[in-house]
């Protein structure tokens, strides 16, 4: 399969997961980055975050536009999410893949 087609398929699967679940594209990105693109594990995890962030923003916009997103209700979870993401990134750097 052509390299460019693999990129499109990987992105499509990640986008669909984000659209359906609000996030979760990484469950496709990480294994496919490792298997199809031959990316090492740690780079695959980090790269998936760079892809999932814009996909999540697009999904959030679509949910907001459709009246399904209550930003005020989501805000209380932000502090814990930011702390967890920071701690996870620090710990991830120190452990083997």
Protein backbone atom coordinates (compact mmCIF):
# COMPACT_ATOMS: atom_id res chain seq x y z
CA UNK A 1 0.00 0.00 0.00
CA UNK A 2 1.29 3.47 -0.83
CA UNK A 3 2.63 5.55 2.04
CA UNK A 4 0.22 8.42 1.35
CA UNK A 5 -2.79 6.08 1.40
CA UNK A 6 -1.69 4.74 4.80
CA UNK A 7 -1.62 8.31 6.11
CA UNK A 8 -5.14 8.95 4.84
CA UNK A 9 -6.51 5.72 6.35
CA UNK A 10 -4.84 6.34 9.71
CA UNK A 11 -6.16 9.91 9.80
CA UNK A 12 -9.65 8.80 8.75
CA UNK A 13 -9.86 6.21 11.53
CA UNK A 14 -8.61 8.71 14.12
CA UNK A 15 -11.06 11.34 12.91
CA UNK A 16 -13.99 8.92 13.02
CA UNK A 17 -13.10 7.84 16.57
CA UNK A 18 -12.89 11.47 17.66
CA UNK A 19 -16.18 12.31 15.97
CA UNK A 20 -18.04 9.39 17.52
CA UNK A 21 -16.50 9.48 21.01
CA UNK A 22 -15.32 13.10 21.36
CA UNK A 23 -11.74 11.77 21.48
CA UNK A 24 -10.04 8.40 21.26
CA UNK A 25 -8.29 8.67 17.91
CA UNK A 26 -5.08 7.56 19.62
CA UNK A 27 -6.42 4.02 19.92
CA UNK A 28 -5.97 3.81 16.13
CA UNK A 29 -3.04 6.16 15.74
CA UNK A 30 -0.52 4.54 18.07
CA UNK A 31 -0.74 0.95 16.79
CA UNK A 32 -0.89 2.04 13.15
CA UNK A 33 2.02 4.47 13.57
CA UNK A 34 4.05 1.57 14.99
CA UNK A 35 2.98 -1.07 12.47
CA UNK A 36 2.43 0.81 9.20
CA UNK A 37 4.77 3.77 9.58
CA UNK A 38 7.41 1.90 11.64
CA UNK A 39 7.52 4.65 14.26
CA UNK A 40 9.08 3.77 17.61
CA UNK A 41 6.63 3.44 20.50
CA UNK A 42 7.40 6.64 22.41
CA UNK A 43 7.38 8.75 19.26
CA UNK A 44 4.05 7.15 18.24
CA UNK A 45 2.43 8.10 21.57
CA UNK A 46 3.70 11.68 21.40
CA UNK A 47 2.80 12.10 17.72
CA UNK A 48 -0.71 10.79 18.33
CA UNK A 49 -1.24 13.60 20.84
CA UNK A 50 -0.27 16.16 18.19
CA UNK A 51 -2.84 14.65 15.83
CA UNK A 52 -5.61 14.15 18.40
CA UNK A 53 -5.52 17.73 19.70
CA UNK A 54 -6.70 19.38 16.46
CA UNK A 55 -9.13 16.50 15.82
CA UNK A 56 -10.60 17.01 19.30
CA UNK A 57 -10.96 20.74 18.68
CA UNK A 58 -12.83 20.06 15.43
CA UNK A 59 -15.06 17.49 17.16
CA UNK A 60 -15.75 19.91 20.02
CA UNK A 61 -16.71 22.62 17.52
CA UNK A 62 -19.13 20.27 15.73
CA UNK A 63 -20.69 19.19 19.04
CA UNK A 64 -20.94 22.86 20.12
CA UNK A 65 -22.52 23.90 16.82
CA UNK A 66 -25.08 21.12 17.18
CA UNK A 67 -25.95 22.27 20.71
CA UNK A 68 -24.53 19.17 22.38
CA UNK A 69 -21.60 20.76 24.20
CA UNK A 70 -22.02 22.54 27.54
CA UNK A 71 -18.69 24.29 28.09
CA UNK A 72 -19.60 25.39 31.63
CA UNK A 73 -20.26 21.77 32.58
CA UNK A 74 -16.88 20.69 31.15
CA UNK A 75 -14.78 23.34 32.93
CA UNK A 76 -14.59 21.67 36.38
CA UNK A 77 -12.85 18.67 34.81
CA UNK A 78 -10.19 20.81 33.16
CA UNK A 79 -7.98 21.26 36.26
CA UNK A 80 -7.78 17.51 36.88
CA UNK A 81 -7.24 16.83 33.20
CA UNK A 82 -4.41 19.33 32.97
CA UNK A 83 -2.76 17.92 36.09
CA UNK A 84 -3.19 14.33 34.90
CA UNK A 85 -1.83 15.16 31.45
CA UNK A 86 1.20 16.88 32.94
CA UNK A 87 1.93 14.04 35.36
CA UNK A 88 1.40 11.46 32.64
CA UNK A 89 3.87 13.22 30.35
CA UNK A 90 6.48 13.42 33.12
CA UNK A 91 6.09 9.76 34.10
CA UNK A 92 6.00 8.63 30.45
CA UNK A 93 9.42 10.17 29.86
CA UNK A 94 10.88 8.09 32.70
CA UNK A 95 9.50 4.64 31.79
CA UNK A 96 10.20 2.31 28.91
CA UNK A 97 7.61 1.93 26.21
